[in-house]
């Protein structure tokens, strides 16, 4: 069992090293996208399914509450938490419309959609991106593998953070690290000490 644990740790470390070697420029662009939106009094809408839904909630909580320092709360909403809205949209429309309807209702030009999909192929995340783009909201997409359909749907002004791995667990582990890097960048830029 300890050997299996060691293999998991080593695989996680290798995934993070590969991400470090490839992702810093895109991570910087993603951070700037969020910082500029928050400076301009816009909000962040965050969505994803399964573990990515948990990451969406985690990120929104870090911003609306605090990350590692005392500061005012920031406007970030996870589109994964309102069970009445989620079940109404799922029932009245479809699961595919789960996030798109909320982006249409809550998003405004200049707000940012942070869309998380380890495969890059989640239909409801793709629909949310489509609506965000129609509303002139920039998109910061977290993907893995080959970026999937999301990579092909993004505009030049959008940013993709694609984890160079094909293993869902490794992609999710890097996603949470990227989210923490973004939280730190936001804190450092908006609330320097």
Foldseek 3Di string as FASTA:
>chain_A
DVVVVVVVVVVLVVLLVQLVVPPPVLLVLVLVLQLVLQVVVAAEEEEDDDLSLVLLVVLQCCQQQHPPDDDHHTHYYYLNPDVVLQVCCCVVPRNLCSQLVVCLVPPAASYEYEYEDAALDRSNSLNNVVNCVVRNHAYEYQYEDPNPVNVVVHDPSHGYSYRDDDDSVSSSSVSSVSSSVSSVSSCCVVPND
